Amino acid sequence: METFQEKLKEMRKIYSLTQRQVAEKLGISQPSYIRYENGTSEPTLENLVKLADLFDVSTDFLLGRKEY
């Protein structure tokens, strides 16, 4: 089972986005986003929803609760 961090990184690569681009779309700093991918920080609920919208997936998918 993939972790949140792995899914986040995978989706970012599928959409051909840099960490900086994702951070800008979320309205956060690049180091803050990098901490999401490293697993040293978790997004707020608001940013989790923004990530799901950005990657056109459900929050459940990002959190590993569903495979689709």
PDB file of N, CA and C in Angstrom:
ATOM      1  N   MET A   1       0.836  -1.185   0.000  1.00  0.00           N
ATOM      2  CA  MET A   1       0.000   0.000   0.000  1.00  0.00           C
ATOM      3  C   MET A   1       0.878   1.245   0.000  1.00  0.00           C
ATOM      4  N   GLU A   2       0.591   2.135  -0.909  1.00  0.00           N
ATOM      5  CA  GLU A   2       1.363   3.377  -0.992  1.00  0.00           C
ATOM      6  C   GLU A   2       0.990   4.320   0.139  1.00  0.00           C
ATOM      7  N   THR A   3       1.980   5.044   0.594  1.00  0.00           N
ATOM      8  CA  THR A   3       1.734   6.049   1.614  1.00  0.00           C
ATOM      9  C   THR A   3       1.264   7.338   0.958  1.00  0.00           C
ATOM     10  N   PHE A   4       0.756   8.239   1.791  1.00  0.00           N
ATOM     11  CA  PHE A   4       0.341   9.547   1.300  1.00  0.00           C
ATOM     12  C   PHE A   4       1.486  10.218   0.551  1.00  0.00           C
ATOM     13  N   GLN A   5       2.683  10.178   1.124  1.00  0.00           N
ATOM     14  CA  GLN A   5       3.835  10.837   0.512  1.00  0.00           C
ATOM     15  C   GLN A   5       4.132  10.252  -0.866  1.00  0.00           C
ATOM     16  N   GLU A   6       4.067   8.931  -0.988  1.00  0.00           N
ATOM     17  CA  GLU A   6       4.343   8.283  -2.279  1.00  0.00           C
ATOM     18  C   GLU A   6       3.283   8.652  -3.316  1.00  0.00           C
ATOM     19  N   LYS A   7       2.022   8.661  -2.885  1.00  0.00           N
ATOM     20  CA  LYS A   7       0.949   9.016  -3.818  1.00  0.00           C
ATOM     21  C   LYS A   7       1.086  10.468  -4.277  1.00  0.00           C
ATOM     22  N   LEU A   8       1.428  11.339  -3.339  1.00  0.00           N
ATOM     23  CA  LEU A   8       1.586  12.750  -3.662  1.00  0.00           C
ATOM     24  C   LEU A   8       2.681  12.945  -4.711  1.00  0.00           C
ATOM     25  N   LYS A   9       3.807  12.315  -4.490  1.00  0.00           N
ATOM     26  CA  LYS A   9       4.930  12.423  -5.419  1.00  0.00           C
ATOM     27  C   LYS A   9       4.573  11.820  -6.784  1.00  0.00           C
ATOM     28  N   GLU A  10       3.901  10.671  -6.764  1.00  0.00           N
ATOM     29  CA  GLU A  10       3.498  10.012  -7.999  1.00  0.00           C
ATOM     30  C   GLU A  10       2.547  10.895  -8.813  1.00  0.00           C
ATOM     31  N   MET A  11       1.552  11.476  -8.146  1.00  0.00           N
ATOM     32  CA  MET A  11       0.588  12.323  -8.850  1.00  0.00           C
ATOM     33  C   MET A  11       1.265  13.574  -9.403  1.00  0.00           C
ATOM     34  N   ARG A  12       2.173  14.146  -8.645  1.00  0.00           N
ATOM     35  CA  ARG A  12       2.894  15.338  -9.122  1.00  0.00           C
ATOM     36  C   ARG A  12       3.665  15.012 -10.393  1.00  0.00           C
ATOM     37  N   LYS A  13       4.291  13.835 -10.416  1.00  0.00           N
ATOM     38  CA  LYS A  13       5.071  13.444 -11.606  1.00  0.00           C
ATOM     39  C   LYS A  13       4.155  13.129 -12.789  1.00  0.00           C
ATOM     40  N   ILE A  14       3.021  12.509 -12.527  1.00  0.00           N
ATOM     41  CA  ILE A  14       2.065  12.214 -13.607  1.00  0.00           C
ATOM     42  C   ILE A  14       1.617  13.511 -14.279  1.00  0.00           C
ATOM     43  N   TYR A  15       1.420  14.550 -13.486  1.00  0.00           N
ATOM     44  CA  TYR A  15       0.990  15.839 -14.016  1.00  0.00           C
ATOM     45  C   TYR A  15       2.159  16.717 -14.461  1.00  0.00           C
ATOM     46  N   SER A  16       3.368  16.186 -14.400  1.00  0.00           N
ATOM     47  CA  SER A  16       4.585  16.886 -14.837  1.00  0.00           C
ATOM     48  C   SER A  16       4.733  18.247 -14.163  1.00  0.00           C
ATOM     49  N   LEU A  17       4.519  18.276 -12.863  1.00  0.00           N
ATOM     50  CA  LEU A  17       4.659  19.506 -12.102  1.00  0.00           C
ATOM     51  C   LEU A  17       5.890  19.438 -11.204  1.00  0.00           C
ATOM     52  N   THR A  18       6.503  20.578 -10.985  1.00  0.00           N
ATOM     53  CA  THR A  18       7.610  20.638 -10.043  1.00  0.00           C
ATOM     54  C   THR A  18       7.039  20.859  -8.643  1.00  0.00           C
ATOM     55  N   GLN A  19       7.868  20.636  -7.654  1.00  0.00           N
ATOM     56  CA  GLN A  19       7.450  20.897  -6.281  1.00  0.00           C
ATOM     57  C   GLN A  19       7.091  22.371  -6.115  1.00  0.00           C
ATOM     58  N   ARG A  20       7.844  23.227  -6.744  1.00  0.00           N
ATOM     59  CA  ARG A  20       7.579  24.667  -6.671  1.00  0.00           C
ATOM     60  C   ARG A  20       6.206  24.995  -7.270  1.00  0.00           C
ATOM     61  N   GLN A  21       5.875  24.387  -8.405  1.00  0.00           N
ATOM     62  CA  GLN A  21       4.588  24.659  -9.051  1.00  0.00           C
ATOM     63  C   GLN A  21       3.420  24.218  -8.171  1.00  0.00           C
ATOM     64  N   VAL A  22       3.546  23.055  -7.560  1.00  0.00           N
ATOM     65  CA  VAL A  22       2.475  22.581  -6.677  1.00  0.00           C
ATOM     66  C   VAL A  22       2.345  23.518  -5.483  1.00  0.00           C
ATOM     67  N   ALA A  23       3.466  23.898  -4.902  1.00  0.00           N
ATOM     68  CA  ALA A  23       3.443  24.811  -3.755  1.00  0.00           C
ATOM     69  C   ALA A  23       2.756  26.119  -4.124  1.00  0.00           C
ATOM     70  N   GLU A  24       3.059  26.655  -5.290  1.00  0.00           N
ATOM     71  CA  GLU A  24       2.431  27.904  -5.736  1.00  0.00           C
ATOM     72  C   GLU A  24       0.926  27.737  -5.887  1.00  0.00           C
ATOM     73  N   LYS A  25       0.492  26.601  -6.423  1.00  0.00           N
ATOM     74  CA  LYS A  25      -0.942  26.365  -6.597  1.00  0.00           C
ATOM     75  C   LYS A  25      -1.651  26.239  -5.251  1.00  0.00           C
ATOM     76  N   LEU A  26      -0.933  25.765  -4.243  1.00  0.00           N
ATOM     77  CA  LEU A  26      -1.509  25.639  -2.904  1.00  0.00           C
ATOM     78  C   LEU A  26      -1.409  26.942  -2.119  1.00  0.00           C
ATOM     79  N   GLY A  27      -0.536  27.836  -2.576  1.00  0.00           N
ATOM     80  CA  GLY A  27      -0.328  29.087  -1.861  1.00  0.00           C
ATOM     81  C   GLY A  27       0.554  28.916  -0.635  1.00  0.00           C
ATOM     82  N   ILE A  28       1.498  27.954  -0.730  1.00  0.00           N
ATOM     83  CA  ILE A  28       2.440  27.721   0.363  1.00  0.00           C
ATOM     84  C   ILE A  28       3.858  27.791  -0.175  1.00  0.00           C
ATOM     85  N   SER A  29       4.828  27.772   0.715  1.00  0.00           N
ATOM     86  CA  SER A  29       6.226  27.812   0.277  1.00  0.00           C
ATOM     87  C   SER A  29       6.654  26.439  -0.246  1.00  0.00           C
ATOM     88  N   GLN A  30       7.668  26.448  -1.091  1.00  0.00           N
ATOM     89  CA  GLN A  30       8.194  25.189  -1.610  1.00  0.00           C
ATOM     90  C   GLN A  30       8.708  24.294  -0.482  1.00  0.00           C
ATOM     91  N   PRO A  31       9.463  24.825   0.502  1.00  0.00           N
ATOM     92  CA  PRO A  31       9.904  23.957   1.602  1.00  0.00           C
ATOM     93  C   PRO A  31       8.742  23.310   2.370  1.00  0.00           C
ATOM     94  N   SER A  32       7.629  24.028   2.492  1.00  0.00           N
ATOM     95  CA  SER A  32       6.462  23.443   3.158  1.00  0.00           C
ATOM     96  C   SER A  32       5.930  22.260   2.363  1.00  0.00           C
ATOM     97  N   TYR A  33       5.855  22.408   1.044  1.00  0.00           N
ATOM     98  CA  TYR A  33       5.382  21.306   0.206  1.00  0.00           C
ATOM     99  C   TYR A  33       6.351  20.127   0.256  1.00  0.00           C
ATOM    100  N   ILE A  34       7.633  20.411   0.223  1.00  0.00           N
ATOM    101  CA  ILE A  34       8.638  19.345   0.276  1.00  0.00           C
ATOM    102  C   ILE A  34       8.464  18.508   1.547  1.00  0.00           C
ATOM    103  N   ARG A  35       8.104  19.165   2.635  1.00  0.00           N
ATOM    104  CA  ARG A  35       7.869  18.430   3.887  1.00  0.00           C
ATOM    105  C   ARG A  35       6.682  17.480   3.749  1.00  0.00           C
ATOM    106  N   TYR A  36       5.687  17.826   2.948  1.00  0.00           N
ATOM    107  CA  TYR A  36       4.580  16.895   2.691  1.00  0.00           C
ATOM    108  C   TYR A  36       5.118  15.634   2.015  1.00  0.00           C
ATOM    109  N   GLU A  37       5.937  15.820   0.980  1.00  0.00           N
ATOM    110  CA  GLU A  37       6.470  14.668   0.245  1.00  0.00           C
ATOM    111  C   GLU A  37       7.467  13.865   1.071  1.00  0.00           C
ATOM    112  N   ASN A  38       8.150  14.516   1.993  1.00  0.00           N
ATOM    113  CA  ASN A  38       9.110  13.811   2.846  1.00  0.00           C
ATOM    114  C   ASN A  38       8.440  13.140   4.038  1.00  0.00           C
ATOM    115  N   GLY A  39       7.203  13.494   4.305  1.00  0.00           N
ATOM    116  CA  GLY A  39       6.491  12.912   5.426  1.00  0.00           C
ATOM    117  C   GLY A  39       6.804  13.550   6.767  1.00  0.00           C
ATOM    118  N   THR A  40       7.445  14.715   6.742  1.00  0.00           N
ATOM    119  CA  THR A  40       7.772  15.386   7.995  1.00  0.00           C
ATOM    120  C   THR A  40       6.704  16.391   8.396  1.00  0.00           C
ATOM    121  N   SER A  41       5.703  16.592   7.528  1.00  0.00           N
ATOM    122  CA  SER A  41       4.600  17.498   7.817  1.00  0.00           C
ATOM    123  C   SER A  41       3.378  16.996   7.055  1.00  0.00           C
ATOM    124  N   GLU A  42       2.209  17.327   7.558  1.00  0.00           N
ATOM    125  CA  GLU A  42       0.968  16.947   6.890  1.00  0.00           C
ATOM    126  C   GLU A  42       0.226  18.209   6.472  1.00  0.00           C
ATOM    127  N   PRO A  43      -0.468  18.136   5.337  1.00  0.00           N
ATOM    128  CA  PRO A  43      -1.208  19.318   4.883  1.00  0.00           C
ATOM    129  C   PRO A  43      -2.416  19.580   5.768  1.00  0.00           C
ATOM    130  N   THR A  44      -2.837  20.822   5.783  1.00  0.00           N
ATOM    131  CA  THR A  44      -4.091  21.159   6.434  1.00  0.00           C
ATOM    132  C   THR A  44      -5.218  20.515   5.639  1.00  0.00           C
ATOM    133  N   LEU A  45      -6.393  20.457   6.216  1.00  0.00           N
ATOM    134  CA  LEU A  45      -7.541  19.914   5.499  1.00  0.00           C
ATOM    135  C   LEU A  45      -7.791  20.709   4.220  1.00  0.00           C
ATOM    136  N   GLU A  46      -7.665  22.024   4.320  1.00  0.00           N
ATOM    137  CA  GLU A  46      -7.856  22.878   3.149  1.00  0.00           C
ATOM    138  C   GLU A  46      -6.860  22.522   2.040  1.00  0.00           C
ATOM    139  N   ASN A  47      -5.601  22.335   2.394  1.00  0.00           N
ATOM    140  CA  ASN A  47      -4.597  22.003   1.380  1.00  0.00           C
ATOM    141  C   ASN A  47      -4.751  20.576   0.870  1.00  0.00           C
ATOM    142  N   LEU A  48      -5.231  19.669   1.697  1.00  0.00           N
ATOM    143  CA  LEU A  48      -5.499  18.309   1.240  1.00  0.00           C
ATOM    144  C   LEU A  48      -6.575  18.334   0.153  1.00  0.00           C
ATOM    145  N   VAL A  49      -7.601  19.120   0.369  1.00  0.00           N
ATOM    146  CA  VAL A  49      -8.670  19.256  -0.635  1.00  0.00           C
ATOM    147  C   VAL A  49      -8.120  19.904  -1.903  1.00  0.00           C
ATOM    148  N   LYS A  50      -7.289  20.924  -1.758  1.00  0.00           N
ATOM    149  CA  LYS A  50      -6.680  21.570  -2.933  1.00  0.00           C
ATOM    150  C   LYS A  50      -5.828  20.575  -3.721  1.00  0.00           C
ATOM    151  N   LEU A  51      -5.083  19.729  -3.025  1.00  0.00           N
ATOM    152  CA  LEU A  51      -4.264  18.721  -3.699  1.00  0.00           C
ATOM    153  C   LEU A  51      -5.147  17.731  -4.458  1.00  0.00           C
ATOM    154  N   ALA A  52      -6.220  17.281  -3.838  1.00  0.00           N
ATOM    155  CA  ALA A  52      -7.140  16.352  -4.503  1.00  0.00           C
ATOM    156  C   ALA A  52      -7.750  16.993  -5.746  1.00  0.00           C
ATOM    157  N   ASP A  53      -8.144  18.264  -5.628  1.00  0.00           N
ATOM    158  CA  ASP A  53      -8.697  18.971  -6.791  1.00  0.00           C
ATOM    159  C   ASP A  53      -7.654  19.142  -7.885  1.00  0.00           C
ATOM    160  N   LEU A  54      -6.449  19.501  -7.500  1.00  0.00           N
ATOM    161  CA  LEU A  54      -5.374  19.699  -8.470  1.00  0.00           C
ATOM    162  C   LEU A  54      -5.101  18.434  -9.270  1.00  0.00           C
ATOM    163  N   PHE A  55      -5.076  17.285  -8.583  1.00  0.00           N
ATOM    164  CA  PHE A  55      -4.750  16.019  -9.233  1.00  0.00           C
ATOM    165  C   PHE A  55      -5.987  15.240  -9.685  1.00  0.00           C
ATOM    166  N   ASP A  56      -7.172  15.849  -9.519  1.00  0.00           N
ATOM    167  CA  ASP A  56      -8.428  15.248  -9.951  1.00  0.00           C
ATOM    168  C   ASP A  56      -8.629  13.845  -9.369  1.00  0.00           C
ATOM    169  N   VAL A  57      -8.379  13.734  -8.072  1.00  0.00           N
ATOM    170  CA  VAL A  57      -8.589  12.487  -7.341  1.00  0.00           C
ATOM    171  C   VAL A  57      -9.338  12.837  -6.050  1.00  0.00           C
ATOM    172  N   SER A  58      -9.769  11.822  -5.338  1.00  0.00           N
ATOM    173  CA  SER A  58     -10.441  12.061  -4.060  1.00  0.00           C
ATOM    174  C   SER A  58      -9.407  12.188  -2.945  1.00  0.00           C
ATOM    175  N   THR A  59      -9.832  12.805  -1.865  1.00  0.00           N
ATOM    176  CA  THR A  59      -8.944  12.856  -0.696  1.00  0.00           C
ATOM    177  C   THR A  59      -8.713  11.439  -0.174  1.00  0.00           C
ATOM    178  N   ASP A  60      -9.731  10.580  -0.265  1.00  0.00           N
ATOM    179  CA  ASP A  60      -9.568   9.184   0.159  1.00  0.00           C
ATOM    180  C   ASP A  60      -8.447   8.511  -0.624  1.00  0.00           C
ATOM    181  N   PHE A  61      -8.389   8.767  -1.920  1.00  0.00           N
ATOM    182  CA  PHE A  61      -7.322   8.178  -2.737  1.00  0.00           C
ATOM    183  C   PHE A  61      -5.958   8.639  -2.233  1.00  0.00           C
ATOM    184  N   LEU A  62      -5.797   9.946  -2.019  1.00  0.00           N
ATOM    185  CA  LEU A  62      -4.507  10.458  -1.554  1.00  0.00           C
ATOM    186  C   LEU A  62      -4.127   9.877  -0.199  1.00  0.00           C
ATOM    187  N   LEU A  63      -5.139   9.632   0.636  1.00  0.00           N
ATOM    188  CA  LEU A  63      -4.871   9.104   1.975  1.00  0.00           C
ATOM    189  C   LEU A  63      -4.758   7.585   1.998  1.00  0.00           C
ATOM    190  N   GLY A  64      -4.908   6.959   0.830  1.00  0.00           N
ATOM    191  CA  GLY A  64      -4.730   5.517   0.750  1.00  0.00           C
ATOM    192  C   GLY A  64      -5.957   4.713   1.146  1.00  0.00           C
ATOM    193  N   ARG A  65      -7.116   5.368   1.154  1.00  0.00           N
ATOM    194  CA  ARG A  65      -8.341   4.678   1.555  1.00  0.00           C
ATOM    195  C   ARG A  65      -9.040   4.003   0.378  1.00  0.00           C
ATOM    196  N   LYS A  66      -8.780   4.456  -0.845  1.00  0.00           N
ATOM    197  CA  LYS A  66      -9.361   3.874  -2.047  1.00  0.00           C
ATOM    198  C   LYS A  66      -8.288   3.796  -3.118  1.00  0.00           C
ATOM    199  N   GLU A  67      -8.449   2.844  -3.996  1.00  0.00           N
ATOM    200  CA  GLU A  67      -7.489   2.682  -5.092  1.00  0.00           C
ATOM    201  C   GLU A  67      -7.872   3.491  -6.323  1.00  0.00           C
ATOM    202  N   TYR A  68      -9.025   4.134  -6.326  1.00  0.00           N
ATOM    203  CA  TYR A  68      -9.474   4.923  -7.472  1.00  0.00           C
ATOM    204  C   TYR A  68     -10.208   6.139  -7.022  1.00  0.00           C
TER     205      TYR A  68
END
